[in-house]
Amino acid sequence: MFRPKLPDVPTLPTLTVTHQHMQAPTPSAGRPVAPYVGVGAGAVAAVVVVGIVLTALLAAIAISAVSVAIAAVVLRSLVSNANKR
């Protein structure tokens, strides 16, 4: 009573129809498109590599600055303790 009744799925006849479409030749603009695709991919790869290198250099400079700051604080505390004695 509460179950929905689904209609029976009709079986379709199996006919194979093949259509052959002829494509009209596209007029060429005189320039090949493929080299520009390669240049675009190479340019993107070069930008990614340069970005990674610059990020690594920035991280190295930041780590060096922190280590120099820590060394300066330690040396300052050592010098100030030596002067108080």
PDB file of N, CA and C in Angstrom:
ATOM      1  N   MET A   1       0.814  -1.175   0.000  1.00  0.00           N
ATOM      2  CA  MET A   1       0.000   0.000   0.000  1.00  0.00           C
ATOM      3  C   MET A   1       0.872   1.260   0.000  1.00  0.00           C
ATOM      4  N   PHE A   2       1.918   1.285   0.842  1.00  0.00           N
ATOM      5  CA  PHE A   2       2.749   2.464   0.919  1.00  0.00           C
ATOM      6  C   PHE A   2       3.962   2.405   0.011  1.00  0.00           C
ATOM      7  N   ARG A   3       4.136   1.325  -0.700  1.00  0.00           N
ATOM      8  CA  ARG A   3       5.277   1.200  -1.606  1.00  0.00           C
ATOM      9  C   ARG A   3       4.922   1.782  -2.968  1.00  0.00           C
ATOM     10  N   PRO A   4       5.821   2.629  -3.507  1.00  0.00           N
ATOM     11  CA  PRO A   4       5.508   3.189  -4.828  1.00  0.00           C
ATOM     12  C   PRO A   4       5.689   2.136  -5.909  1.00  0.00           C
ATOM     13  N   LYS A   5       4.867   2.221  -6.897  1.00  0.00           N
ATOM     14  CA  LYS A   5       4.979   1.297  -8.021  1.00  0.00           C
ATOM     15  C   LYS A   5       5.756   1.983  -9.125  1.00  0.00           C
ATOM     16  N   LEU A   6       6.855   1.372  -9.533  1.00  0.00           N
ATOM     17  CA  LEU A   6       7.679   1.906 -10.601  1.00  0.00           C
ATOM     18  C   LEU A   6       7.214   1.321 -11.923  1.00  0.00           C
ATOM     19  N   PRO A   7       7.205   2.139 -12.953  1.00  0.00           N
ATOM     20  CA  PRO A   7       6.783   1.593 -14.261  1.00  0.00           C
ATOM     21  C   PRO A   7       7.856   0.652 -14.795  1.00  0.00           C
ATOM     22  N   ASP A   8       7.402  -0.276 -15.572  1.00  0.00           N
ATOM     23  CA  ASP A   8       8.333  -1.211 -16.194  1.00  0.00           C
ATOM     24  C   ASP A   8       9.159  -0.474 -17.239  1.00  0.00           C
ATOM     25  N   VAL A   9      10.452  -0.816 -17.288  1.00  0.00           N
ATOM     26  CA  VAL A   9      11.338  -0.190 -18.257  1.00  0.00           C
ATOM     27  C   VAL A   9      11.149  -0.878 -19.597  1.00  0.00           C
ATOM     28  N   PRO A  10      10.758  -0.108 -20.600  1.00  0.00           N
ATOM     29  CA  PRO A  10      10.579  -0.750 -21.915  1.00  0.00           C
ATOM     30  C   PRO A  10      11.944  -1.075 -22.520  1.00  0.00           C
ATOM     31  N   THR A  11      11.991  -2.170 -23.215  1.00  0.00           N
ATOM     32  CA  THR A  11      13.227  -2.549 -23.880  1.00  0.00           C
ATOM     33  C   THR A  11      13.257  -1.905 -25.255  1.00  0.00           C
ATOM     34  N   LEU A  12      14.354  -1.260 -25.542  1.00  0.00           N
ATOM     35  CA  LEU A  12      14.496  -0.600 -26.832  1.00  0.00           C
ATOM     36  C   LEU A  12      15.140  -1.541 -27.826  1.00  0.00           C
ATOM     37  N   PRO A  13      14.730  -1.452 -29.067  1.00  0.00           N
ATOM     38  CA  PRO A  13      15.377  -2.302 -30.076  1.00  0.00           C
ATOM     39  C   PRO A  13      16.826  -1.831 -30.274  1.00  0.00           C
ATOM     40  N   THR A  14      17.703  -2.776 -30.478  1.00  0.00           N
ATOM     41  CA  THR A  14      19.113  -2.450 -30.642  1.00  0.00           C
ATOM     42  C   THR A  14      19.412  -2.258 -32.113  1.00  0.00           C
ATOM     43  N   LEU A  15      19.495  -1.011 -32.505  1.00  0.00           N
ATOM     44  CA  LEU A  15      19.861  -0.673 -33.866  1.00  0.00           C
ATOM     45  C   LEU A  15      21.129   0.165 -33.808  1.00  0.00           C
ATOM     46  N   THR A  16      22.068  -0.161 -34.634  1.00  0.00           N
ATOM     47  CA  THR A  16      23.283   0.631 -34.688  1.00  0.00           C
ATOM     48  C   THR A  16      23.245   1.486 -35.937  1.00  0.00           C
ATOM     49  N   VAL A  17      23.238   2.771 -35.728  1.00  0.00           N
ATOM     50  CA  VAL A  17      23.205   3.717 -36.832  1.00  0.00           C
ATOM     51  C   VAL A  17      24.507   4.492 -36.795  1.00  0.00           C
ATOM     52  N   THR A  18      25.213   4.497 -37.907  1.00  0.00           N
ATOM     53  CA  THR A  18      26.469   5.239 -37.960  1.00  0.00           C
ATOM     54  C   THR A  18      26.292   6.415 -38.905  1.00  0.00           C
ATOM     55  N   HIS A  19      26.646   7.586 -38.389  1.00  0.00           N
ATOM     56  CA  HIS A  19      26.588   8.800 -39.199  1.00  0.00           C
ATOM     57  C   HIS A  19      28.016   9.237 -39.473  1.00  0.00           C
ATOM     58  N   GLN A  20      28.253   9.570 -40.708  1.00  0.00           N
ATOM     59  CA  GLN A  20      29.565  10.081 -41.060  1.00  0.00           C
ATOM     60  C   GLN A  20      29.442  11.560 -41.347  1.00  0.00           C
ATOM     61  N   HIS A  21      30.215  12.333 -40.562  1.00  0.00           N
ATOM     62  CA  HIS A  21      30.202  13.778 -40.739  1.00  0.00           C
ATOM     63  C   HIS A  21      31.515  14.195 -41.371  1.00  0.00           C
ATOM     64  N   MET A  22      31.414  15.044 -42.324  1.00  0.00           N
ATOM     65  CA  MET A  22      32.617  15.578 -42.957  1.00  0.00           C
ATOM     66  C   MET A  22      32.879  16.950 -42.356  1.00  0.00           C
ATOM     67  N   GLN A  23      34.087  17.142 -41.870  1.00  0.00           N
ATOM     68  CA  GLN A  23      34.450  18.442 -41.330  1.00  0.00           C
ATOM     69  C   GLN A  23      35.049  19.288 -42.435  1.00  0.00           C
ATOM     70  N   ALA A  24      34.642  20.514 -42.441  1.00  0.00           N
ATOM     71  CA  ALA A  24      35.214  21.432 -43.415  1.00  0.00           C
ATOM     72  C   ALA A  24      36.606  21.820 -42.935  1.00  0.00           C
ATOM     73  N   PRO A  25      37.571  21.923 -43.832  1.00  0.00           N
ATOM     74  CA  PRO A  25      38.911  22.312 -43.399  1.00  0.00           C
ATOM     75  C   PRO A  25      38.904  23.732 -42.868  1.00  0.00           C
ATOM     76  N   THR A  26      39.600  23.919 -41.750  1.00  0.00           N
ATOM     77  CA  THR A  26      39.644  25.244 -41.148  1.00  0.00           C
ATOM     78  C   THR A  26      40.746  26.053 -41.817  1.00  0.00           C
ATOM     79  N   PRO A  27      40.487  27.299 -42.102  1.00  0.00           N
ATOM     80  CA  PRO A  27      41.524  28.120 -42.729  1.00  0.00           C
ATOM     81  C   PRO A  27      42.638  28.408 -41.739  1.00  0.00           C
ATOM     82  N   SER A  28      43.864  28.295 -42.187  1.00  0.00           N
ATOM     83  CA  SER A  28      44.988  28.524 -41.285  1.00  0.00           C
ATOM     84  C   SER A  28      45.359  29.994 -41.305  1.00  0.00           C
ATOM     85  N   ALA A  29      45.784  30.486 -40.159  1.00  0.00           N
ATOM     86  CA  ALA A  29      46.134  31.895 -40.041  1.00  0.00           C
ATOM     87  C   ALA A  29      47.580  32.132 -40.432  1.00  0.00           C
ATOM     88  N   GLY A  30      48.303  31.104 -40.777  1.00  0.00           N
ATOM     89  CA  GLY A  30      49.698  31.252 -41.164  1.00  0.00           C
ATOM     90  C   GLY A  30      50.654  30.993 -40.019  1.00  0.00           C
ATOM     91  N   ARG A  31      50.131  30.905 -38.804  1.00  0.00           N
ATOM     92  CA  ARG A  31      50.977  30.647 -37.636  1.00  0.00           C
ATOM     93  C   ARG A  31      50.528  29.352 -36.972  1.00  0.00           C
ATOM     94  N   PRO A  32      51.460  28.514 -36.601  1.00  0.00           N
ATOM     95  CA  PRO A  32      51.055  27.308 -35.876  1.00  0.00           C
ATOM     96  C   PRO A  32      50.708  27.658 -34.422  1.00  0.00           C
ATOM     97  N   VAL A  33      49.746  26.955 -33.873  1.00  0.00           N
ATOM     98  CA  VAL A  33      49.301  27.231 -32.513  1.00  0.00           C
ATOM     99  C   VAL A  33      50.133  26.451 -31.499  1.00  0.00           C
ATOM    100  N   ALA A  34      50.656  25.303 -31.859  1.00  0.00           N
ATOM    101  CA  ALA A  34      51.347  24.427 -30.919  1.00  0.00           C
ATOM    102  C   ALA A  34      52.562  25.077 -30.249  1.00  0.00           C
ATOM    103  N   PRO A  35      53.406  25.842 -30.933  1.00  0.00           N
ATOM    104  CA  PRO A  35      54.546  26.427 -30.221  1.00  0.00           C
ATOM    105  C   PRO A  35      54.142  27.388 -29.105  1.00  0.00           C
ATOM    106  N   TYR A  36      53.009  28.076 -29.269  1.00  0.00           N
ATOM    107  CA  TYR A  36      52.578  28.998 -28.228  1.00  0.00           C
ATOM    108  C   TYR A  36      52.113  28.254 -26.988  1.00  0.00           C
ATOM    109  N   VAL A  37      51.556  27.073 -27.169  1.00  0.00           N
ATOM    110  CA  VAL A  37      51.152  26.276 -26.017  1.00  0.00           C
ATOM    111  C   VAL A  37      52.387  25.851 -25.246  1.00  0.00           C
ATOM    112  N   GLY A  38      53.439  25.442 -25.944  1.00  0.00           N
ATOM    113  CA  GLY A  38      54.667  25.030 -25.273  1.00  0.00           C
ATOM    114  C   GLY A  38      55.336  26.189 -24.565  1.00  0.00           C
ATOM    115  N   VAL A  39      55.316  27.365 -25.170  1.00  0.00           N
ATOM    116  CA  VAL A  39      55.919  28.535 -24.536  1.00  0.00           C
ATOM    117  C   VAL A  39      55.137  28.905 -23.288  1.00  0.00           C
ATOM    118  N   GLY A  40      53.824  28.806 -23.337  1.00  0.00           N
ATOM    119  CA  GLY A  40      52.998  29.125 -22.172  1.00  0.00           C
ATOM    120  C   GLY A  40      53.264  28.187 -21.021  1.00  0.00           C
ATOM    121  N   ALA A  41      53.385  26.891 -21.310  1.00  0.00           N
ATOM    122  CA  ALA A  41      53.655  25.923 -20.253  1.00  0.00           C
ATOM    123  C   ALA A  41      55.056  26.134 -19.698  1.00  0.00           C
ATOM    124  N   GLY A  42      56.012  26.429 -20.569  1.00  0.00           N
ATOM    125  CA  GLY A  42      57.374  26.690 -20.100  1.00  0.00           C
ATOM    126  C   GLY A  42      57.447  27.949 -19.266  1.00  0.00           C
ATOM    127  N   ALA A  43      56.681  28.960 -19.642  1.00  0.00           N
ATOM    128  CA  ALA A  43      56.674  30.208 -18.884  1.00  0.00           C
ATOM    129  C   ALA A  43      56.059  29.998 -17.508  1.00  0.00           C
ATOM    130  N   VAL A  44      55.009  29.222 -17.456  1.00  0.00           N
ATOM    131  CA  VAL A  44      54.388  28.932 -16.160  1.00  0.00           C
ATOM    132  C   VAL A  44      55.344  28.150 -15.279  1.00  0.00           C
ATOM    133  N   ALA A  45      56.030  27.179 -15.848  1.00  0.00           N
ATOM    134  CA  ALA A  45      56.995  26.395 -15.071  1.00  0.00           C
ATOM    135  C   ALA A  45      58.136  27.284 -14.583  1.00  0.00           C
ATOM    136  N   ALA A  46      58.597  28.207 -15.429  1.00  0.00           N
ATOM    137  CA  ALA A  46      59.689  29.095 -15.017  1.00  0.00           C
ATOM    138  C   ALA A  46      59.240  30.013 -13.888  1.00  0.00           C
ATOM    139  N   VAL A  47      58.017  30.518 -13.962  1.00  0.00           N
ATOM    140  CA  VAL A  47      57.518  31.386 -12.891  1.00  0.00           C
ATOM    141  C   VAL A  47      57.378  30.616 -11.585  1.00  0.00           C
ATOM    142  N   VAL A  48      56.935  29.376 -11.662  1.00  0.00           N
ATOM    143  CA  VAL A  48      56.802  28.560 -10.450  1.00  0.00           C
ATOM    144  C   VAL A  48      58.171  28.292  -9.843  1.00  0.00           C
ATOM    145  N   VAL A  49      59.158  27.961 -10.673  1.00  0.00           N
ATOM    146  CA  VAL A  49      60.500  27.681 -10.163  1.00  0.00           C
ATOM    147  C   VAL A  49      61.107  28.931  -9.543  1.00  0.00           C
ATOM    148  N   VAL A  50      60.956  30.076 -10.200  1.00  0.00           N
ATOM    149  CA  VAL A  50      61.494  31.323  -9.648  1.00  0.00           C
ATOM    150  C   VAL A  50      60.800  31.657  -8.332  1.00  0.00           C
ATOM    151  N   GLY A  51      59.520  31.436  -8.246  1.00  0.00           N
ATOM    152  CA  GLY A  51      58.794  31.677  -6.997  1.00  0.00           C
ATOM    153  C   GLY A  51      59.280  30.792  -5.871  1.00  0.00           C
ATOM    154  N   ILE A  52      59.543  29.528  -6.172  1.00  0.00           N
ATOM    155  CA  ILE A  52      60.039  28.612  -5.146  1.00  0.00           C
ATOM    156  C   ILE A  52      61.426  29.038  -4.678  1.00  0.00           C
ATOM    157  N   VAL A  53      62.284  29.422  -5.618  1.00  0.00           N
ATOM    158  CA  VAL A  53      63.646  29.841  -5.257  1.00  0.00           C
ATOM    159  C   VAL A  53      63.606  31.106  -4.415  1.00  0.00           C
ATOM    160  N   LEU A  54      62.794  32.078  -4.800  1.00  0.00           N
ATOM    161  CA  LEU A  54      62.710  33.316  -4.026  1.00  0.00           C
ATOM    162  C   LEU A  54      62.129  33.075  -2.640  1.00  0.00           C
ATOM    163  N   THR A  55      61.176  32.190  -2.519  1.00  0.00           N
ATOM    164  CA  THR A  55      60.618  31.862  -1.212  1.00  0.00           C
ATOM    165  C   THR A  55      61.664  31.187  -0.331  1.00  0.00           C
ATOM    166  N   ALA A  56      62.454  30.300  -0.915  1.00  0.00           N
ATOM    167  CA  ALA A  56      63.510  29.642  -0.141  1.00  0.00           C
ATOM    168  C   ALA A  56      64.564  30.652   0.310  1.00  0.00           C
ATOM    169  N   LEU A  57      64.915  31.590  -0.569  1.00  0.00           N
ATOM    170  CA  LEU A  57      65.887  32.619  -0.178  1.00  0.00           C
ATOM    171  C   LEU A  57      65.342  33.501   0.934  1.00  0.00           C
ATOM    172  N   LEU A  58      64.084  33.873   0.852  1.00  0.00           N
ATOM    173  CA  LEU A  58      63.471  34.687   1.892  1.00  0.00           C
ATOM    174  C   LEU A  58      63.433  33.944   3.224  1.00  0.00           C
ATOM    175  N   ALA A  59      63.131  32.664   3.192  1.00  0.00           N
ATOM    176  CA  ALA A  59      63.132  31.871   4.417  1.00  0.00           C
ATOM    177  C   ALA A  59      64.532  31.770   5.000  1.00  0.00           C
ATOM    178  N   ALA A  60      65.551  31.603   4.146  1.00  0.00           N
ATOM    179  CA  ALA A  60      66.927  31.524   4.636  1.00  0.00           C
ATOM    180  C   ALA A  60      67.361  32.839   5.269  1.00  0.00           C
ATOM    181  N   ILE A  61      66.961  33.962   4.674  1.00  0.00           N
ATOM    182  CA  ILE A  61      67.306  35.268   5.247  1.00  0.00           C
ATOM    183  C   ILE A  61      66.602  35.464   6.581  1.00  0.00           C
ATOM    184  N   ALA A  62      65.359  35.049   6.686  1.00  0.00           N
ATOM    185  CA  ALA A  62      64.622  35.195   7.941  1.00  0.00           C
ATOM    186  C   ALA A  62      65.234  34.344   9.043  1.00  0.00           C
ATOM    187  N   ILE A  63      65.620  33.122   8.728  1.00  0.00           N
ATOM    188  CA  ILE A  63      66.248  32.239   9.725  1.00  0.00           C
ATOM    189  C   ILE A  63      67.592  32.810  10.153  1.00  0.00           C
ATOM    190  N   SER A  64      68.353  33.345   9.204  1.00  0.00           N
ATOM    191  CA  SER A  64      69.644  33.949   9.550  1.00  0.00           C
ATOM    192  C   SER A  64      69.447  35.169  10.440  1.00  0.00           C
ATOM    193  N   ALA A  65      68.464  35.982  10.160  1.00  0.00           N
ATOM    194  CA  ALA A  65      68.203  37.168  10.971  1.00  0.00           C
ATOM    195  C   ALA A  65      67.808  36.793  12.390  1.00  0.00           C
ATOM    196  N   VAL A  66      67.005  35.765  12.548  1.00  0.00           N
ATOM    197  CA  VAL A  66      66.602  35.321  13.878  1.00  0.00           C
ATOM    198  C   VAL A  66      67.801  34.786  14.647  1.00  0.00           C
ATOM    199  N   SER A  67      68.637  34.010  13.981  1.00  0.00           N
ATOM    200  CA  SER A  67      69.802  33.459  14.677  1.00  0.00           C
ATOM    201  C   SER A  67      70.791  34.561  15.065  1.00  0.00           C
ATOM    202  N   VAL A  68      70.968  35.586  14.227  1.00  0.00           N
ATOM    203  CA  VAL A  68      71.841  36.713  14.567  1.00  0.00           C
ATOM    204  C   VAL A  68      71.254  37.498  15.733  1.00  0.00           C
ATOM    205  N   ALA A  69      69.956  37.674  15.769  1.00  0.00           N
ATOM    206  CA  ALA A  69      69.316  38.385  16.873  1.00  0.00           C
ATOM    207  C   ALA A  69      69.479  37.626  18.183  1.00  0.00           C
ATOM    208  N   ILE A  70      69.332  36.310  18.144  1.00  0.00           N
ATOM    209  CA  ILE A  70      69.518  35.505  19.358  1.00  0.00           C
ATOM    210  C   ILE A  70      70.965  35.584  19.822  1.00  0.00           C
ATOM    211  N   ALA A  71      71.899  35.505  18.893  1.00  0.00           N
ATOM    212  CA  ALA A  71      73.318  35.613  19.261  1.00  0.00           C
ATOM    213  C   ALA A  71      73.622  36.984  19.857  1.00  0.00           C
ATOM    214  N   ALA A  72      73.030  38.043  19.341  1.00  0.00           N
ATOM    215  CA  ALA A  72      73.259  39.387  19.881  1.00  0.00           C
ATOM    216  C   ALA A  72      72.712  39.505  21.295  1.00  0.00           C
ATOM    217  N   VAL A  73      71.548  38.931  21.562  1.00  0.00           N
ATOM    218  CA  VAL A  73      70.980  38.980  22.917  1.00  0.00           C
ATOM    219  C   VAL A  73      71.862  38.211  23.888  1.00  0.00           C
ATOM    220  N   VAL A  74      72.344  37.043  23.491  1.00  0.00           N
ATOM    221  CA  VAL A  74      73.202  36.242  24.364  1.00  0.00           C
ATOM    222  C   VAL A  74      74.507  36.975  24.638  1.00  0.00           C
ATOM    223  N   LEU A  75      75.133  37.548  23.604  1.00  0.00           N
ATOM    224  CA  LEU A  75      76.389  38.277  23.810  1.00  0.00           C
ATOM    225  C   LEU A  75      76.175  39.512  24.672  1.00  0.00           C
ATOM    226  N   ARG A  76      75.083  40.193  24.475  1.00  0.00           N
ATOM    227  CA  ARG A  76      74.805  41.375  25.299  1.00  0.00           C
ATOM    228  C   ARG A  76      74.629  41.004  26.762  1.00  0.00           C
ATOM    229  N   SER A  77      73.945  39.901  27.025  1.00  0.00           N
ATOM    230  CA  SER A  77      73.772  39.482  28.421  1.00  0.00           C
ATOM    231  C   SER A  77      75.094  39.040  29.021  1.00  0.00           C
ATOM    232  N   LEU A  78      75.966  38.402  28.230  1.00  0.00           N
ATOM    233  CA  LEU A  78      77.275  37.993  28.741  1.00  0.00           C
ATOM    234  C   LEU A  78      78.147  39.211  29.050  1.00  0.00           C
ATOM    235  N   VAL A  79      78.117  40.208  28.175  1.00  0.00           N
ATOM    236  CA  VAL A  79      78.938  41.415  28.386  1.00  0.00           C
ATOM    237  C   VAL A  79      78.418  42.203  29.570  1.00  0.00           C
ATOM    238  N   SER A  80      77.099  42.314  29.712  1.00  0.00           N
ATOM    239  CA  SER A  80      76.561  43.097  30.831  1.00  0.00           C
ATOM    240  C   SER A  80      76.826  42.395  32.163  1.00  0.00           C
ATOM    241  N   ASN A  81      76.811  41.055  32.203  1.00  0.00           N
ATOM    242  CA  ASN A  81      77.134  40.337  33.442  1.00  0.00           C
ATOM    243  C   ASN A  81      78.614  40.486  33.765  1.00  0.00           C
ATOM    244  N   ALA A  82      79.479  40.529  32.789  1.00  0.00           N
ATOM    245  CA  ALA A  82      80.918  40.674  33.037  1.00  0.00           C
ATOM    246  C   ALA A  82      81.240  42.064  33.560  1.00  0.00           C
ATOM    247  N   ASN A  83      80.523  43.083  33.124  1.00  0.00           N
ATOM    248  CA  ASN A  83      80.771  44.460  33.579  1.00  0.00           C
ATOM    249  C   ASN A  83      80.260  44.679  35.012  1.00  0.00           C
ATOM    250  N   LYS A  84      79.262  43.957  35.456  1.00  0.00           N
ATOM    251  CA  LYS A  84      78.702  44.128  36.792  1.00  0.00           C
ATOM    252  C   LYS A  84      79.594  43.495  37.860  1.00  0.00           C
ATOM    253  N   ARG A  85      80.477  42.589  37.526  1.00  0.00           N
ATOM    254  CA  ARG A  85      81.291  41.887  38.522  1.00  0.00           C
ATOM    255  C   ARG A  85      82.439  42.697  38.903  1.00  0.00           C
TER     256      ARG A  85
END
